[in-house]
Amino acid sequence: MKRSTLVAFFCSLVVSLQFGPRLSWPQSGPDPKLIEAAKKEREVVWYTTTSLETSNVIGDRFQKKYPFIKLIFYRTGVAPLTSRILLEARAGKYEWDVASGGGELFIPIMDRGLIAQYRSPETKTIDEDLVDKQGYWTAYTVTTFVLGFNKKLVRQQDVPKTYEALLEAKWKGQKIGVDASAGILHGLLPVWGKERAVAYFRQLAAQEPVPKESTSLMVQLLSAGEMPIAIGSAHLYELFGRKGAPVDWVALEPAVVRVVPAMLGAKARHPNAAKLMYDFLIGREGQEIIRSFNRPSVRRDVLPDPPRLLQGYKRVMMYPELYKNLPETQKLYNEIFALR
């Protein structure tokens, strides 16, 4: 090959690598046999704790993609949804086909054998720590606990970058907002061990932090300057920052990531349509909807906006199975922080 030709070849290669189309993950369509079986079932029932606005968009998109399946969804909070599922089961009724919601939902219905094993083909583009190895759940969104800060009260260089930095004397005296839920302690217990974790949180309690029942309230108070720093949900800090609030956040490592799972009913009345709905929730279209509503997406081909909502730091997963011992941890947490 002549030198001029060789130079031209490498130049074109560099240009194509820098400015050419980005590689995308291969997308495989639903199994035709599954679609045909779902057509005969005609409908699918989705129980969820997802916001009504988001649920409506997901429902509309699913119906557009599968017009031959009627989607019926019921949306409420975790506690009432759990009660509904259990009451139906006791009455011998199994109305739901797919359920998605807070991890608290998992243990009560799993203990009663109400969740089916299903390894969706869509999980190939989801990190392994977001997919249950036994196939009982797949994360369809997450909540990452991070340290938020008010940019008017704390300079970037002064923001604590580690859990230990929160114990410095300058943060004592109602300057740290903490969640009244024991989620972050519960998430750290498996990696720190009980002795270290409890000792740390007792030291944190000695800093006289301000516990709040709601992470939504926490970000509002942080935005208003009621406290300089607060442990809360990354996506809420990100959302308020985009709206102009003087807030930003950093991840303290390991960052506790709470999994919000999607599950398939073991006694689903529409098992094939249920798989289509499940695949849609964790598939590319469903995850793009989740992302558009400022919640972290979980696929590698649909990165969260911004990606740091789930990437760029060591993370520890608060899996749905861990909620089994959460009441015990909450009791300990309440004692540490003198909560009722």
Protein backbone atom coordinates (compact mmCIF):
# COMPACT_ATOMS: atom_id res chain seq x y z
CA MET A 1 0.00 0.00 0.00
CA LYS A 2 1.39 3.40 -0.98
CA ARG A 3 2.24 5.79 1.82
CA SER A 4 -0.33 8.36 0.71
CA THR A 5 -3.02 5.70 0.61
CA LEU A 6 -1.98 4.40 4.03
CA VAL A 7 -2.11 7.88 5.54
CA ALA A 8 -5.55 8.48 4.05
CA PHE A 9 -6.76 5.17 5.45
CA PHE A 10 -5.65 5.96 9.00
CA CYS A 11 -7.07 9.47 8.80
CA SER A 12 -10.44 8.13 7.76
CA LEU A 13 -10.25 5.54 10.54
CA VAL A 14 -9.58 8.20 13.17
CA VAL A 15 -12.46 10.33 11.90
CA SER A 16 -14.84 7.39 11.93
CA LEU A 17 -13.86 6.48 15.48
CA GLN A 18 -14.27 10.03 16.74
CA PHE A 19 -17.33 11.15 14.84
CA GLY A 20 -18.95 8.01 13.51
CA PRO A 21 -22.12 6.49 14.94
CA ARG A 22 -21.88 5.09 18.46
CA LEU A 23 -22.03 1.37 18.86
CA SER A 24 -25.30 0.18 20.35
CA TRP A 25 -26.20 -3.02 22.13
CA PRO A 26 -27.87 -5.55 19.85
CA GLN A 27 -31.62 -5.54 20.29
CA SER A 28 -33.53 -8.77 19.88
CA GLY A 29 -37.28 -8.69 19.53
CA PRO A 30 -39.70 -10.68 21.69
CA ASP A 31 -40.05 -14.39 21.01
CA PRO A 32 -42.80 -14.80 18.35
CA LYS A 33 -44.14 -17.85 20.23
CA LEU A 34 -44.44 -15.76 23.40
CA ILE A 35 -46.34 -13.07 21.51
CA GLU A 36 -48.75 -15.59 20.02
CA ALA A 37 -49.40 -17.11 23.45
CA ALA A 38 -49.90 -13.63 24.95
CA LYS A 39 -52.44 -12.77 22.25
CA LYS A 40 -54.64 -15.60 23.48
CA GLU A 41 -54.50 -14.24 27.04
CA ARG A 42 -55.64 -10.80 25.83
CA GLU A 43 -54.73 -8.87 28.99
CA VAL A 44 -52.13 -8.38 31.72
CA VAL A 45 -52.41 -6.94 35.23
CA TRP A 46 -49.60 -4.80 36.65
CA TYR A 47 -49.43 -3.83 40.33
CA THR A 48 -46.95 -1.02 41.03
CA THR A 49 -45.81 1.73 43.36
CA THR A 50 -44.46 3.76 40.43
CA SER A 51 -45.89 7.28 40.28
CA LEU A 52 -49.19 7.56 38.45
CA GLU A 53 -47.75 9.92 35.84
CA THR A 54 -44.93 7.51 35.00
CA SER A 55 -47.24 4.48 35.11
CA ASN A 56 -49.60 6.10 32.62
CA VAL A 57 -46.81 6.70 30.12
CA ILE A 58 -45.47 3.16 30.54
CA GLY A 59 -48.98 1.81 30.09
CA ASP A 60 -49.62 3.87 26.96
CA ARG A 61 -46.33 2.80 25.36
CA PHE A 62 -46.92 -0.85 26.21
CA GLN A 63 -50.42 -0.74 24.71
CA LYS A 64 -49.06 0.89 21.57
CA LYS A 65 -46.46 -1.83 21.20
CA TYR A 66 -48.88 -4.65 22.02
CA PRO A 67 -52.36 -3.40 21.01
CA PHE A 68 -53.75 -6.92 21.30
CA ILE A 69 -53.10 -6.95 25.08
CA LYS A 70 -55.23 -4.90 27.45
CA LEU A 71 -53.07 -3.53 30.27
CA ILE A 72 -54.77 -3.11 33.63
CA PHE A 73 -52.65 -1.49 36.30
CA TYR A 74 -53.20 -0.66 39.94
CA ARG A 75 -50.97 1.93 41.57
CA THR A 76 -50.58 2.63 45.29
CA GLY A 77 -47.96 2.76 48.07
CA VAL A 78 -45.85 -0.20 49.22
CA ALA A 79 -47.80 -0.99 52.40
CA PRO A 80 -51.30 -0.97 50.84
CA LEU A 81 -50.03 -2.86 47.79
CA THR A 82 -48.53 -5.55 50.01
CA SER A 83 -51.79 -5.82 51.96
CA ARG A 84 -53.83 -6.11 48.76
CA ILE A 85 -51.67 -8.91 47.36
CA LEU A 86 -51.76 -10.87 50.61
CA LEU A 87 -55.51 -10.41 51.11
CA GLU A 88 -56.16 -11.61 47.57
CA ALA A 89 -53.94 -14.64 48.11
CA ARG A 90 -55.75 -15.57 51.32
CA ALA A 91 -59.00 -15.40 49.40
CA GLY A 92 -57.59 -17.66 46.70
CA LYS A 93 -57.43 -14.82 44.18
CA TYR A 94 -54.32 -14.05 42.17
CA GLU A 95 -55.17 -10.93 40.24
CA TRP A 96 -51.70 -9.57 39.50
CA ASP A 97 -49.32 -10.80 36.85
CA VAL A 98 -46.41 -8.39 37.31
CA ALA A 99 -45.51 -6.33 40.38
CA SER A 100 -42.93 -3.57 40.73
CA GLY A 101 -42.19 -1.49 43.77
CA GLY A 102 -40.10 -0.90 46.86
CA GLY A 103 -38.01 -3.76 48.20
CA GLU A 104 -40.30 -3.97 51.24
CA LEU A 105 -42.84 -5.64 48.96
CA PHE A 106 -40.60 -8.61 48.19
CA ILE A 107 -40.28 -10.57 51.46
CA PRO A 108 -43.99 -10.85 52.40
CA ILE A 109 -45.04 -12.12 48.98
CA MET A 110 -41.92 -14.23 48.46
CA ASP A 111 -42.49 -16.01 51.79
CA ARG A 112 -45.91 -17.06 50.52
CA GLY A 113 -44.55 -18.45 47.28
CA LEU A 114 -46.18 -15.78 45.14
CA ILE A 115 -43.16 -14.91 42.95
CA ALA A 116 -42.12 -16.91 39.91
CA GLN A 117 -38.58 -17.47 38.69
CA TYR A 118 -37.95 -15.80 35.35
CA ARG A 119 -34.69 -14.81 33.71
CA SER A 120 -35.65 -12.22 31.12
CA PRO A 121 -33.54 -12.02 27.94
CA GLU A 122 -33.38 -8.26 28.63
CA THR A 123 -31.06 -8.84 31.60
CA LYS A 124 -28.08 -9.32 29.28
CA THR A 125 -27.62 -5.53 29.25
CA ILE A 126 -28.07 -5.10 33.02
CA ASP A 127 -25.22 -5.38 35.53
CA GLU A 128 -25.14 -8.67 37.42
CA ASP A 129 -25.59 -7.04 40.82
CA LEU A 130 -28.95 -5.69 39.64
CA VAL A 131 -30.32 -9.11 38.65
CA ASP A 132 -31.30 -11.86 41.08
CA LYS A 133 -29.20 -14.95 40.44
CA GLN A 134 -32.22 -17.17 41.10
CA GLY A 135 -34.44 -15.13 38.81
CA TYR A 136 -37.00 -13.91 41.34
CA TRP A 137 -36.48 -10.20 40.54
CA THR A 138 -34.70 -7.70 38.34
CA ALA A 139 -34.07 -4.08 39.32
CA TYR A 140 -36.05 -1.70 37.14
CA THR A 141 -34.83 1.39 38.97
CA VAL A 142 -32.74 2.16 42.06
CA THR A 143 -32.27 4.72 44.81
CA THR A 144 -28.70 5.61 45.74
CA PHE A 145 -28.00 7.14 49.16
CA VAL A 146 -25.51 10.00 48.83
CA LEU A 147 -24.44 13.15 50.65
CA GLY A 148 -26.19 16.26 49.40
CA PHE A 149 -24.89 19.74 50.17
CA ASN A 150 -26.08 23.33 49.86
CA LYS A 151 -23.64 25.11 47.53
CA LYS A 152 -24.30 28.47 49.19
CA LEU A 153 -23.34 27.10 52.61
CA VAL A 154 -20.55 24.67 51.76
CA ARG A 155 -17.75 25.09 49.26
CA GLN A 156 -17.04 22.14 46.99
CA GLN A 157 -13.58 21.63 48.50
CA ASP A 158 -15.05 21.52 52.01
CA VAL A 159 -17.69 18.87 51.32
CA PRO A 160 -17.03 15.62 53.28
CA LYS A 161 -15.82 12.95 50.88
CA THR A 162 -15.95 9.96 53.26
CA TYR A 163 -18.26 8.68 55.97
CA GLU A 164 -15.53 9.35 58.53
CA ALA A 165 -15.35 13.02 57.49
CA LEU A 166 -18.91 13.48 58.75
CA LEU A 167 -17.57 12.91 62.26
CA GLU A 168 -15.39 16.03 62.23
CA ALA A 169 -16.21 18.57 64.91
CA LYS A 170 -17.29 21.25 62.40
CA TRP A 171 -20.35 19.18 61.45
CA LYS A 172 -21.65 18.87 65.00
CA GLY A 173 -24.86 20.57 66.11
CA GLN A 174 -27.81 19.89 63.77
CA LYS A 175 -25.76 20.41 60.61
CA ILE A 176 -26.31 16.97 59.08
CA GLY A 177 -29.66 15.75 57.81
CA VAL A 178 -30.22 11.99 58.08
CA ASP A 179 -33.03 9.70 56.99
CA ALA A 180 -35.26 8.41 59.79
CA SER A 181 -35.31 5.09 57.92
CA ALA A 182 -32.55 2.61 58.68
CA GLY A 183 -31.86 1.89 55.01
CA ILE A 184 -28.28 3.15 54.89
CA LEU A 185 -27.30 1.32 58.10
CA HIS A 186 -28.97 -1.84 56.84
CA GLY A 187 -27.09 -1.59 53.55
CA LEU A 188 -23.71 -1.09 55.21
CA LEU A 189 -24.06 -3.92 57.75
CA PRO A 190 -23.06 -6.71 55.32
CA VAL A 191 -19.87 -4.93 54.21
CA TRP A 192 -18.80 -3.23 57.44
CA GLY A 193 -19.96 -5.84 59.91
CA LYS A 194 -22.29 -5.10 62.80
CA GLU A 195 -19.63 -3.93 65.28
CA ARG A 196 -18.08 -1.36 62.97
CA ALA A 197 -21.41 -0.19 61.54
CA VAL A 198 -23.07 0.30 64.92
CA ALA A 199 -20.00 2.05 66.34
CA TYR A 200 -19.95 4.45 63.37
CA PHE A 201 -23.62 5.33 63.58
CA ARG A 202 -23.34 5.95 67.32
CA GLN A 203 -20.57 8.42 66.56
CA LEU A 204 -22.72 9.98 63.86
CA ALA A 205 -25.62 10.28 66.32
CA ALA A 206 -23.27 12.11 68.70
CA GLN A 207 -22.96 14.79 66.01
CA GLU A 208 -26.58 15.72 66.78
CA PRO A 209 -27.91 15.27 63.23
CA VAL A 210 -31.46 16.11 62.15
CA PRO A 211 -33.53 13.00 61.29
CA LYS A 212 -36.33 13.44 58.76
CA GLU A 213 -39.03 10.95 57.75
CA SER A 214 -38.94 11.82 54.05
CA THR A 215 -36.04 12.15 51.63
CA SER A 216 -38.23 14.53 49.62
CA LEU A 217 -38.54 16.77 52.67
CA MET A 218 -34.81 16.44 53.23
CA VAL A 219 -33.91 17.89 49.85
CA GLN A 220 -36.40 20.72 50.31
CA LEU A 221 -34.87 21.68 53.65
CA LEU A 222 -31.35 21.42 52.22
CA SER A 223 -32.35 23.65 49.31
CA ALA A 224 -33.81 26.21 51.73
CA GLY A 225 -30.57 26.31 53.72
CA GLU A 226 -32.01 24.69 56.85
CA MET A 227 -28.88 22.50 57.00
CA PRO A 228 -25.61 22.50 55.04
CA ILE A 229 -25.37 18.76 54.30
CA ALA A 230 -27.75 15.79 54.32
CA ILE A 231 -27.79 12.11 53.45
CA GLY A 232 -30.55 11.42 50.95
CA SER A 233 -31.53 10.20 47.50
CA ALA A 234 -29.20 11.08 44.63
CA HIS A 235 -31.93 11.43 42.01
CA LEU A 236 -33.83 13.94 44.16
CA TYR A 237 -30.74 16.09 44.67
CA GLU A 238 -30.11 15.89 40.94
CA LEU A 239 -33.69 16.88 40.14
CA PHE A 240 -33.72 19.88 42.48
CA GLY A 241 -30.32 21.00 41.19
CA ARG A 242 -31.66 21.00 37.63
CA LYS A 243 -34.56 23.15 38.74
CA GLY A 244 -32.17 25.77 40.06
CA ALA A 245 -31.88 24.84 43.73
CA PRO A 246 -28.37 25.41 45.17
CA VAL A 247 -27.76 21.72 45.78
CA ASP A 248 -25.28 19.12 44.57
CA TRP A 249 -24.12 15.77 45.89
CA VAL A 250 -21.22 13.38 46.31
CA ALA A 251 -21.24 9.62 46.79
CA LEU A 252 -19.62 8.36 49.99
CA GLU A 253 -18.07 4.95 49.34
CA PRO A 254 -19.40 2.39 49.45
CA ALA A 255 -22.66 4.04 48.35
CA VAL A 256 -25.76 2.12 49.43
CA VAL A 257 -27.98 1.44 46.43
CA ARG A 258 -31.54 0.34 47.16
CA VAL A 259 -32.94 -1.97 44.50
CA VAL A 260 -36.51 -1.39 43.31
CA PRO A 261 -37.48 -4.76 41.82
CA ALA A 262 -39.84 -6.04 39.16
CA MET A 263 -41.37 -9.47 39.86
CA LEU A 264 -43.48 -12.02 38.03
CA GLY A 265 -46.50 -13.63 39.72
CA ALA A 266 -46.12 -17.34 40.46
CA LYS A 267 -49.85 -17.80 39.89
CA ALA A 268 -50.26 -15.24 37.14
CA ARG A 269 -53.48 -15.61 35.17
CA HIS A 270 -51.73 -14.27 32.09
CA PRO A 271 -48.19 -15.73 32.33
CA ASN A 272 -47.13 -15.02 28.75
CA ALA A 273 -48.44 -11.46 28.64
CA ALA A 274 -46.81 -11.02 32.04
CA LYS A 275 -43.41 -11.87 30.56
CA LEU A 276 -43.94 -9.32 27.80
CA MET A 277 -44.77 -6.67 30.40
CA TYR A 278 -41.81 -7.63 32.58
CA ASP A 279 -39.49 -7.50 29.58
CA PHE A 280 -40.91 -4.11 28.63
CA LEU A 281 -40.30 -2.64 32.10
CA ILE A 282 -36.62 -3.58 32.10
CA GLY A 283 -36.24 -3.31 28.32
CA ARG A 284 -34.90 -0.34 26.46
CA GLU A 285 -38.25 1.39 25.92
CA GLY A 286 -39.36 1.02 29.51
CA GLN A 287 -36.03 2.20 30.86
CA GLU A 288 -36.04 5.25 28.61
CA ILE A 289 -39.38 6.19 30.17
CA ILE A 290 -38.00 5.66 33.67
CA ARG A 291 -35.05 7.92 32.81
CA SER A 292 -37.30 10.59 31.31
CA PHE A 293 -39.04 10.91 34.68
CA ASN A 294 -35.76 11.60 36.49
CA ARG A 295 -35.37 8.13 37.96
CA PRO A 296 -32.17 6.10 37.47
CA SER A 297 -32.33 3.61 34.60
CA VAL A 298 -30.46 0.32 35.01
CA ARG A 299 -29.41 -0.77 31.53
CA ARG A 300 -25.93 -0.29 30.09
CA ASP A 301 -27.48 0.91 26.83
CA VAL A 302 -29.80 3.34 28.68
CA LEU A 303 -27.50 5.01 31.16
CA PRO A 304 -28.97 7.12 33.96
CA ASP A 305 -29.01 10.88 33.40
CA PRO A 306 -26.39 11.63 34.56
CA PRO A 307 -24.58 8.26 34.67
CA ARG A 308 -23.14 9.05 38.12
CA LEU A 309 -26.55 8.26 39.60
CA LEU A 310 -25.38 4.65 39.45
CA GLN A 311 -21.76 4.65 38.25
CA GLY A 312 -18.32 5.93 39.17
CA TYR A 313 -18.03 4.73 42.77
CA LYS A 314 -18.01 1.60 44.87
CA ARG A 315 -21.56 0.53 45.60
CA VAL A 316 -23.23 -1.95 47.88
CA MET A 317 -26.68 -3.25 46.98
CA MET A 318 -29.57 -3.29 49.40
CA TYR A 319 -31.22 -6.32 47.85
CA PRO A 320 -34.92 -7.12 48.34
CA GLU A 321 -33.93 -10.21 50.37
CA LEU A 322 -32.25 -7.95 52.94
CA TYR A 323 -35.58 -6.45 53.94
CA LYS A 324 -36.28 -9.59 55.97
CA ASN A 325 -34.13 -8.28 58.82
CA LEU A 326 -34.91 -4.60 58.30
CA PRO A 327 -37.35 -4.31 61.28
CA GLU A 328 -34.58 -5.46 63.61
CA THR A 329 -32.16 -2.94 62.10
CA GLN A 330 -34.78 -0.18 62.30
CA LYS A 331 -35.26 -0.89 66.01
CA LEU A 332 -31.50 -0.55 66.55
CA TYR A 333 -31.38 2.60 64.39
CA ASN A 334 -34.22 4.16 66.40
CA GLU A 335 -32.32 3.47 69.62
CA ILE A 336 -29.09 4.98 68.23
CA PHE A 337 -30.77 8.20 67.06
CA ALA A 338 -33.33 8.36 69.87
CA LEU A 339 -36.24 8.06 67.45
CA ARG A 340 -39.70 6.89 68.47
